[in-house]
Full PDB file with SEQRES, HELIX, SHEET, SSBOND, CRYST1, ORIGX, SCALE, CONECT and MASTER records, all heavy atoms in Angstrom:
SEQRES   1 A   32  ASP LEU VAL GLU GLN VAL VAL GLU VAL ILE GLU GLU THR          
SEQRES   2 A   32  ALA ARG THR GLY LYS ILE GLY ASP GLY LYS ILE PHE VAL          
SEQRES   3 A   32  THR PRO VAL GLU GLU VAL                                      
HELIX    1 AA1 VAL A    3  ALA A   14  1                                  12    
CRYST1    1.000    1.000    1.000  90.00  90.00  90.00 P 1           1          
ORIGX1      1.000000  0.000000  0.000000        0.00000                         
ORIGX2      0.000000  1.000000  0.000000        0.00000                         
ORIGX3      0.000000  0.000000  1.000000        0.00000                         
SCALE1      1.000000  0.000000  0.000000        0.00000                         
SCALE2      0.000000  1.000000  0.000000        0.00000                         
SCALE3      0.000000  0.000000  1.000000        0.00000                         
ATOM      1  N   ASP A   1     112.170 109.633  92.934  1.00  0.00           N  
ATOM      2  CA  ASP A   1     113.018 108.515  93.261  1.00  0.00           C  
ATOM      3  C   ASP A   1     112.460 107.610  94.311  1.00  0.00           C  
ATOM      4  O   ASP A   1     112.977 106.464  94.577  1.00  0.00           O  
ATOM      5  CB  ASP A   1     114.369 109.096  93.697  1.00  0.00           C  
ATOM      6  CG  ASP A   1     114.280 110.028  94.954  1.00  0.00           C  
ATOM      7  OD1 ASP A   1     113.225 110.592  95.112  1.00  0.00           O  
ATOM      8  OD2 ASP A   1     115.383 110.159  95.705  1.00  0.00           O  
ATOM      9  N   LEU A   2     111.352 107.994  94.989  1.00  0.00           N  
ATOM     10  CA  LEU A   2     110.697 107.186  96.010  1.00  0.00           C  
ATOM     11  C   LEU A   2     109.522 106.397  95.425  1.00  0.00           C  
ATOM     12  O   LEU A   2     108.901 105.559  96.096  1.00  0.00           O  
ATOM     13  CB  LEU A   2     110.231 108.052  97.183  1.00  0.00           C  
ATOM     14  CG  LEU A   2     111.297 108.539  98.113  1.00  0.00           C  
ATOM     15  CD1 LEU A   2     110.698 109.470  99.122  1.00  0.00           C  
ATOM     16  CD2 LEU A   2     112.009 107.348  98.823  1.00  0.00           C  
ATOM     17  N   VAL A   3     109.009 106.751  94.262  1.00  0.00           N  
ATOM     18  CA  VAL A   3     107.819 106.192  93.769  1.00  0.00           C  
ATOM     19  C   VAL A   3     107.743 104.680  93.708  1.00  0.00           C  
ATOM     20  O   VAL A   3     106.838 104.074  94.318  1.00  0.00           O  
ATOM     21  CB  VAL A   3     107.503 106.707  92.328  1.00  0.00           C  
ATOM     22  CG1 VAL A   3     106.283 105.962  91.655  1.00  0.00           C  
ATOM     23  CG2 VAL A   3     107.195 108.114  92.310  1.00  0.00           C  
ATOM     24  N   GLU A   4     108.811 104.033  93.192  1.00  0.00           N  
ATOM     25  CA  GLU A   4     108.799 102.627  93.073  1.00  0.00           C  
ATOM     26  C   GLU A   4     108.738 101.914  94.403  1.00  0.00           C  
ATOM     27  O   GLU A   4     108.009 100.874  94.588  1.00  0.00           O  
ATOM     28  CB  GLU A   4     109.958 102.125  92.262  1.00  0.00           C  
ATOM     29  CG  GLU A   4     109.791 100.772  91.625  1.00  0.00           C  
ATOM     30  CD  GLU A   4     108.489 100.669  90.734  1.00  0.00           C  
ATOM     31  OE1 GLU A   4     108.211 101.573  89.949  1.00  0.00           O  
ATOM     32  OE2 GLU A   4     107.779  99.618  91.020  1.00  0.00           O  
ATOM     33  N   GLN A   5     109.530 102.465  95.337  1.00  0.00           N  
ATOM     34  CA  GLN A   5     109.468 101.843  96.723  1.00  0.00           C  
ATOM     35  C   GLN A   5     108.198 102.032  97.432  1.00  0.00           C  
ATOM     36  O   GLN A   5     107.677 101.070  98.003  1.00  0.00           O  
ATOM     37  CB  GLN A   5     110.639 102.581  97.481  1.00  0.00           C  
ATOM     38  CG  GLN A   5     110.899 101.908  98.839  1.00  0.00           C  
ATOM     39  CD  GLN A   5     111.977 102.630  99.644  1.00  0.00           C  
ATOM     40  OE1 GLN A   5     112.462 103.803  99.223  1.00  0.00           O  
ATOM     41  NE2 GLN A   5     112.508 102.083 100.677  1.00  0.00           N  
ATOM     42  N   VAL A   6     107.523 103.151  97.299  1.00  0.00           N  
ATOM     43  CA  VAL A   6     106.184 103.405  97.908  1.00  0.00           C  
ATOM     44  C   VAL A   6     105.193 102.418  97.253  1.00  0.00           C  
ATOM     45  O   VAL A   6     104.434 101.796  97.969  1.00  0.00           O  
ATOM     46  CB  VAL A   6     105.776 104.790  97.727  1.00  0.00           C  
ATOM     47  CG1 VAL A   6     104.309 105.033  98.168  1.00  0.00           C  
ATOM     48  CG2 VAL A   6     106.684 105.773  98.615  1.00  0.00           C  
ATOM     49  N   VAL A   7     105.246 102.324  95.975  1.00  0.00           N  
ATOM     50  CA  VAL A   7     104.247 101.447  95.297  1.00  0.00           C  
ATOM     51  C   VAL A   7     104.424 100.016  95.729  1.00  0.00           C  
ATOM     52  O   VAL A   7     103.463  99.323  96.004  1.00  0.00           O  
ATOM     53  CB  VAL A   7     104.407 101.583  93.701  1.00  0.00           C  
ATOM     54  CG1 VAL A   7     103.618 100.469  93.023  1.00  0.00           C  
ATOM     55  CG2 VAL A   7     103.891 102.941  93.262  1.00  0.00           C  
ATOM     56  N   GLU A   8     105.735  99.583  95.795  1.00  0.00           N  
ATOM     57  CA  GLU A   8     106.018  98.137  96.212  1.00  0.00           C  
ATOM     58  C   GLU A   8     105.472  97.955  97.719  1.00  0.00           C  
ATOM     59  O   GLU A   8     104.856  96.787  97.895  1.00  0.00           O  
ATOM     60  CB  GLU A   8     107.469  97.881  96.149  1.00  0.00           C  
ATOM     61  CG  GLU A   8     107.977  97.683  94.778  1.00  0.00           C  
ATOM     62  CD  GLU A   8     109.505  97.495  94.726  1.00  0.00           C  
ATOM     63  OE1 GLU A   8     110.145  97.179  95.823  1.00  0.00           O  
ATOM     64  OE2 GLU A   8     110.123  97.631  93.580  1.00  0.00           O  
ATOM     65  N   VAL A   9     105.715  98.879  98.503  1.00  0.00           N  
ATOM     66  CA  VAL A   9     105.219  98.703  99.955  1.00  0.00           C  
ATOM     67  C   VAL A   9     103.708  98.620  99.974  1.00  0.00           C  
ATOM     68  O   VAL A   9     103.194  97.743 100.693  1.00  0.00           O  
ATOM     69  CB  VAL A   9     105.767  99.904 100.804  1.00  0.00           C  
ATOM     70  CG1 VAL A   9     105.007  99.918 102.160  1.00  0.00           C  
ATOM     71  CG2 VAL A   9     107.155  99.767 101.048  1.00  0.00           C  
ATOM     72  N   ILE A  10     103.007  99.530  99.310  1.00  0.00           N  
ATOM     73  CA  ILE A  10     101.588  99.411  99.338  1.00  0.00           C  
ATOM     74  C   ILE A  10     101.045  98.118  98.712  1.00  0.00           C  
ATOM     75  O   ILE A  10     100.197  97.427  99.326  1.00  0.00           O  
ATOM     76  CB  ILE A  10     101.018 100.603  98.537  1.00  0.00           C  
ATOM     77  CG1 ILE A  10     101.323 101.953  99.225  1.00  0.00           C  
ATOM     78  CG2 ILE A  10      99.483 100.486  98.406  1.00  0.00           C  
ATOM     79  CD1 ILE A  10     100.958 103.191  98.444  1.00  0.00           C  
ATOM     80  N   GLU A  11     101.609  97.827  97.578  1.00  0.00           N  
ATOM     81  CA  GLU A  11     101.202  96.540  96.853  1.00  0.00           C  
ATOM     82  C   GLU A  11     101.461  95.307  97.771  1.00  0.00           C  
ATOM     83  O   GLU A  11     100.541  94.512  97.843  1.00  0.00           O  
ATOM     84  CB  GLU A  11     102.004  96.392  95.594  1.00  0.00           C  
ATOM     85  CG  GLU A  11     101.532  95.331  94.676  1.00  0.00           C  
ATOM     86  CD  GLU A  11     102.350  95.221  93.338  1.00  0.00           C  
ATOM     87  OE1 GLU A  11     103.255  96.052  93.193  1.00  0.00           O  
ATOM     88  OE2 GLU A  11     102.056  94.366  92.505  1.00  0.00           O  
ATOM     89  N   GLU A  12     102.587  95.196  98.337  1.00  0.00           N  
ATOM     90  CA  GLU A  12     102.800  93.970  99.174  1.00  0.00           C  
ATOM     91  C   GLU A  12     102.000  93.950 100.410  1.00  0.00           C  
ATOM     92  O   GLU A  12     101.584  93.001 100.880  1.00  0.00           O  
ATOM     93  CB  GLU A  12     104.374  93.880  99.426  1.00  0.00           C  
ATOM     94  CG  GLU A  12     105.188  93.603  98.280  1.00  0.00           C  
ATOM     95  CD  GLU A  12     106.630  93.775  98.498  1.00  0.00           C  
ATOM     96  OE1 GLU A  12     107.040  93.932  99.691  1.00  0.00           O  
ATOM     97  OE2 GLU A  12     107.458  93.725  97.535  1.00  0.00           O  
ATOM     98  N   THR A  13     101.804  95.158 101.064  1.00  0.00           N  
ATOM     99  CA  THR A  13     101.186  95.179 102.348  1.00  0.00           C  
ATOM    100  C   THR A  13      99.675  95.070 102.232  1.00  0.00           C  
ATOM    101  O   THR A  13      99.027  94.428 103.166  1.00  0.00           O  
ATOM    102  CB  THR A  13     101.595  96.565 103.101  1.00  0.00           C  
ATOM    103  OG1 THR A  13     103.004  96.598 103.104  1.00  0.00           O  
ATOM    104  CG2 THR A  13     101.089  96.490 104.600  1.00  0.00           C  
ATOM    105  N   ALA A  14      99.072  95.677 101.155  1.00  0.00           N  
ATOM    106  CA  ALA A  14      97.649  95.655 101.058  1.00  0.00           C  
ATOM    107  C   ALA A  14      97.079  94.381 100.394  1.00  0.00           C  
ATOM    108  O   ALA A  14      95.874  94.124 100.388  1.00  0.00           O  
ATOM    109  CB  ALA A  14      97.215  96.892 100.232  1.00  0.00           C  
ATOM    110  N   ARG A  15      97.971  93.554  99.865  1.00  0.00           N  
ATOM    111  CA  ARG A  15      97.460  92.340  99.123  1.00  0.00           C  
ATOM    112  C   ARG A  15      97.045  91.245 100.052  1.00  0.00           C  
ATOM    113  O   ARG A  15      97.715  90.916 101.047  1.00  0.00           O  
ATOM    114  CB  ARG A  15      98.629  91.863  98.250  1.00  0.00           C  
ATOM    115  CG  ARG A  15      98.279  90.552  97.515  1.00  0.00           C  
ATOM    116  CD  ARG A  15      99.366  89.923  96.724  1.00  0.00           C  
ATOM    117  NE  ARG A  15      99.833  90.825  95.625  1.00  0.00           N  
ATOM    118  CZ  ARG A  15     101.099  91.190  95.482  1.00  0.00           C  
ATOM    119  NH1 ARG A  15     102.026  90.760  96.240  1.00  0.00           N  
ATOM    120  NH2 ARG A  15     101.352  92.017  94.449  1.00  0.00           N  
ATOM    121  N   THR A  16      95.771  90.774  99.761  1.00  0.00           N  
ATOM    122  CA  THR A  16      95.298  89.686 100.457  1.00  0.00           C  
ATOM    123  C   THR A  16      95.140  88.373  99.521  1.00  0.00           C  
ATOM    124  O   THR A  16      95.010  87.253  99.979  1.00  0.00           O  
ATOM    125  CB  THR A  16      93.890  89.895 101.042  1.00  0.00           C  
ATOM    126  OG1 THR A  16      92.968  90.013  99.942  1.00  0.00           O  
ATOM    127  CG2 THR A  16      93.836  91.087 101.960  1.00  0.00           C  
ATOM    128  N   GLY A  17      95.242  88.687  98.243  1.00  0.00           N  
ATOM    129  CA  GLY A  17      95.151  87.639  97.172  1.00  0.00           C  
ATOM    130  C   GLY A  17      93.697  87.385  96.838  1.00  0.00           C  
ATOM    131  O   GLY A  17      93.453  86.536  96.021  1.00  0.00           O  
ATOM    132  N   LYS A  18      92.852  88.198  97.391  1.00  0.00           N  
ATOM    133  CA  LYS A  18      91.420  88.019  97.048  1.00  0.00           C  
ATOM    134  C   LYS A  18      90.881  89.166  96.241  1.00  0.00           C  
ATOM    135  O   LYS A  18      91.486  90.200  96.247  1.00  0.00           O  
ATOM    136  CB  LYS A  18      90.549  87.794  98.386  1.00  0.00           C  
ATOM    137  CG  LYS A  18      90.920  86.571  99.124  1.00  0.00           C  
ATOM    138  CD  LYS A  18      90.112  86.476 100.387  1.00  0.00           C  
ATOM    139  CE  LYS A  18      90.564  85.205 101.103  1.00  0.00           C  
ATOM    140  NZ  LYS A  18      90.432  85.306 102.484  1.00  0.00           N  
ATOM    141  N   ILE A  19      89.758  88.964  95.558  1.00  0.00           N  
ATOM    142  CA  ILE A  19      89.295  89.978  94.755  1.00  0.00           C  
ATOM    143  C   ILE A  19      88.874  91.214  95.617  1.00  0.00           C  
ATOM    144  O   ILE A  19      88.436  91.033  96.806  1.00  0.00           O  
ATOM    145  CB  ILE A  19      87.971  89.511  93.962  1.00  0.00           C  
ATOM    146  CG1 ILE A  19      87.570  90.398  92.943  1.00  0.00           C  
ATOM    147  CG2 ILE A  19      86.818  89.187  94.909  1.00  0.00           C  
ATOM    148  CD1 ILE A  19      86.659  89.839  91.790  1.00  0.00           C  
ATOM    149  N   GLY A  20      89.099  92.442  95.125  1.00  0.00           N  
ATOM    150  CA  GLY A  20      88.749  93.637  95.848  1.00  0.00           C  
ATOM    151  C   GLY A  20      89.905  94.196  96.603  1.00  0.00           C  
ATOM    152  O   GLY A  20      89.735  95.044  97.471  1.00  0.00           O  
ATOM    153  N   ASP A  21      91.150  93.768  96.398  1.00  0.00           N  
ATOM    154  CA  ASP A  21      92.349  94.276  97.073  1.00  0.00           C  
ATOM    155  C   ASP A  21      92.576  95.692  96.732  1.00  0.00           C  
ATOM    156  O   ASP A  21      93.193  96.433  97.502  1.00  0.00           O  
ATOM    157  CB  ASP A  21      93.551  93.404  96.691  1.00  0.00           C  
ATOM    158  CG  ASP A  21      93.774  92.148  97.638  1.00  0.00           C  
ATOM    159  OD1 ASP A  21      93.004  92.087  98.567  1.00  0.00           O  
ATOM    160  OD2 ASP A  21      94.640  91.365  97.342  1.00  0.00           O  
ATOM    161  N   GLY A  22      92.158  96.148  95.572  1.00  0.00           N  
ATOM    162  CA  GLY A  22      92.245  97.528  95.213  1.00  0.00           C  
ATOM    163  C   GLY A  22      93.171  97.916  94.038  1.00  0.00           C  
ATOM    164  O   GLY A  22      93.515  97.023  93.233  1.00  0.00           O  
ATOM    165  N   LYS A  23      93.529  99.146  93.945  1.00  0.00           N  
ATOM    166  CA  LYS A  23      94.249  99.638  92.723  1.00  0.00           C  
ATOM    167  C   LYS A  23      95.236 100.691  93.300  1.00  0.00           C  
ATOM    168  O   LYS A  23      95.090 101.341  94.287  1.00  0.00           O  
ATOM    169  CB  LYS A  23      93.373 100.291  91.720  1.00  0.00           C  
ATOM    170  CG  LYS A  23      92.294  99.424  91.085  1.00  0.00           C  
ATOM    171  CD  LYS A  23      92.899  98.740  89.857  1.00  0.00           C  
ATOM    172  CE  LYS A  23      91.854  98.106  88.987  1.00  0.00           C  
ATOM    173  NZ  LYS A  23      91.139  97.073  89.626  1.00  0.00           N  
ATOM    174  N   ILE A  24      96.335 100.885  92.447  1.00  0.00           N  
ATOM    175  CA  ILE A  24      97.303 101.951  92.742  1.00  0.00           C  
ATOM    176  C   ILE A  24      97.324 102.788  91.477  1.00  0.00           C  
ATOM    177  O   ILE A  24      97.573 102.160  90.379  1.00  0.00           O  
ATOM    178  CB  ILE A  24      98.700 101.429  93.151  1.00  0.00           C  
ATOM    179  CG1 ILE A  24      98.584 100.553  94.392  1.00  0.00           C  
ATOM    180  CG2 ILE A  24      99.679 102.571  93.331  1.00  0.00           C  
ATOM    181  CD1 ILE A  24      99.771  99.860  94.804  1.00  0.00           C  
ATOM    182  N   PHE A  25      97.318 104.061  91.608  1.00  0.00           N  
ATOM    183  CA  PHE A  25      97.460 105.018  90.436  1.00  0.00           C  
ATOM    184  C   PHE A  25      98.624 105.961  90.718  1.00  0.00           C  
ATOM    185  O   PHE A  25      98.740 106.520  91.830  1.00  0.00           O  
ATOM    186  CB  PHE A  25      96.150 105.897  90.250  1.00  0.00           C  
ATOM    187  CG  PHE A  25      94.899 105.004  90.127  1.00  0.00           C  
ATOM    188  CD1 PHE A  25      94.109 104.806  91.191  1.00  0.00           C  
ATOM    189  CD2 PHE A  25      94.558 104.511  88.911  1.00  0.00           C  
ATOM    190  CE1 PHE A  25      92.981 104.059  91.058  1.00  0.00           C  
ATOM    191  CE2 PHE A  25      93.408 103.772  88.740  1.00  0.00           C  
ATOM    192  CZ  PHE A  25      92.621 103.571  89.847  1.00  0.00           C  
ATOM    193  N   VAL A  26      99.417 106.117  89.706  1.00  0.00           N  
ATOM    194  CA  VAL A  26     100.606 107.091  89.805  1.00  0.00           C  
ATOM    195  C   VAL A  26     100.437 108.140  88.757  1.00  0.00           C  
ATOM    196  O   VAL A  26     100.322 107.864  87.526  1.00  0.00           O  
ATOM    197  CB  VAL A  26     101.937 106.338  89.650  1.00  0.00           C  
ATOM    198  CG1 VAL A  26     103.115 107.304  89.823  1.00  0.00           C  
ATOM    199  CG2 VAL A  26     102.047 105.197  90.670  1.00  0.00           C  
ATOM    200  N   THR A  27     100.351 109.423  89.209  1.00  0.00           N  
ATOM    201  CA  THR A  27     100.157 110.533  88.251  1.00  0.00           C  
ATOM    202  C   THR A  27     101.233 111.585  88.548  1.00  0.00           C  
ATOM    203  O   THR A  27     101.710 111.754  89.645  1.00  0.00           O  
ATOM    204  CB  THR A  27      98.823 111.202  88.361  1.00  0.00           C  
ATOM    205  OG1 THR A  27      98.540 111.493  89.742  1.00  0.00           O  
ATOM    206  CG2 THR A  27      97.735 110.139  87.915  1.00  0.00           C  
ATOM    207  N   PRO A  28     101.596 112.382  87.480  1.00  0.00           N  
ATOM    208  CA  PRO A  28     102.629 113.503  87.682  1.00  0.00           C  
ATOM    209  C   PRO A  28     101.975 114.579  88.541  1.00  0.00           C  
ATOM    210  O   PRO A  28     100.804 114.887  88.389  1.00  0.00           O  
ATOM    211  CB  PRO A  28     102.958 113.956  86.275  1.00  0.00           C  
ATOM    212  CG  PRO A  28     101.976 113.302  85.330  1.00  0.00           C  
ATOM    213  CD  PRO A  28     101.287 112.190  86.102  1.00  0.00           C  
ATOM    214  N   VAL A  29     102.788 115.331  89.246  1.00  0.00           N  
ATOM    215  CA  VAL A  29     102.424 116.501  90.026  1.00  0.00           C  
ATOM    216  C   VAL A  29     103.294 117.657  89.509  1.00  0.00           C  
ATOM    217  O   VAL A  29     104.544 117.533  89.615  1.00  0.00           O  
ATOM    218  CB  VAL A  29     102.685 116.235  91.524  1.00  0.00           C  
ATOM    219  CG1 VAL A  29     102.366 117.606  92.316  1.00  0.00           C  
ATOM    220  CG2 VAL A  29     101.696 115.269  92.086  1.00  0.00           C  
ATOM    221  N   GLU A  30     102.659 118.679  89.033  1.00  0.00           N  
ATOM    222  CA  GLU A  30     103.354 119.788  88.499  1.00  0.00           C  
ATOM    223  C   GLU A  30     103.981 120.687  89.573  1.00  0.00           C  
ATOM    224  O   GLU A  30     105.087 121.278  89.374  1.00  0.00           O  
ATOM    225  CB  GLU A  30     102.530 120.643  87.500  1.00  0.00           C  
ATOM    226  CG  GLU A  30     102.139 119.774  86.275  1.00  0.00           C  
ATOM    227  CD  GLU A  30     101.323 120.701  85.301  1.00  0.00           C  
ATOM    228  OE1 GLU A  30     101.464 121.902  85.281  1.00  0.00           O  
ATOM    229  OE2 GLU A  30     100.621 119.991  84.531  1.00  0.00           O  
ATOM    230  N   GLU A  31     103.270 120.893  90.568  1.00  0.00           N  
ATOM    231  CA  GLU A  31     103.709 121.908  91.570  1.00  0.00           C  
ATOM    232  C   GLU A  31     103.189 121.523  92.966  1.00  0.00           C  
ATOM    233  O   GLU A  31     102.038 121.075  93.053  1.00  0.00           O  
ATOM    234  CB  GLU A  31     103.262 123.283  91.274  1.00  0.00           C  
ATOM    235  CG  GLU A  31     103.747 124.342  92.091  1.00  0.00           C  
ATOM    236  CD  GLU A  31     105.258 124.661  92.035  1.00  0.00           C  
ATOM    237  OE1 GLU A  31     105.989 124.060  92.749  1.00  0.00           O  
ATOM    238  OE2 GLU A  31     105.715 125.474  91.195  1.00  0.00           O  
ATOM    239  N   VAL A  32     103.944 121.794  93.970  1.00  0.00           N  
ATOM    240  CA  VAL A  32     103.438 121.669  95.320  1.00  0.00           C  
ATOM    241  C   VAL A  32     103.790 122.989  96.027  1.00  0.00           C  
ATOM    242  O   VAL A  32     104.876 123.543  95.880  1.00  0.00           O  
ATOM    243  CB  VAL A  32     104.155 120.459  96.078  1.00  0.00           C  
ATOM    244  CG1 VAL A  32     103.716 120.473  97.581  1.00  0.00           C  
ATOM    245  CG2 VAL A  32     103.887 119.221  95.459  1.00  0.00           C  
TER     246      VAL A  32                                                      
MASTER        0    0    0    1    0    0    0    6  245    1    0    3          
END                                                                             
């Protein structure tokens, strides 16, 4: 339930608008 909020925060905060801003990957976690 927090995934979309976390992704949005990272995307908005890390964006400079220039090449090399990065990537975000989301993968399932079976167990912690």
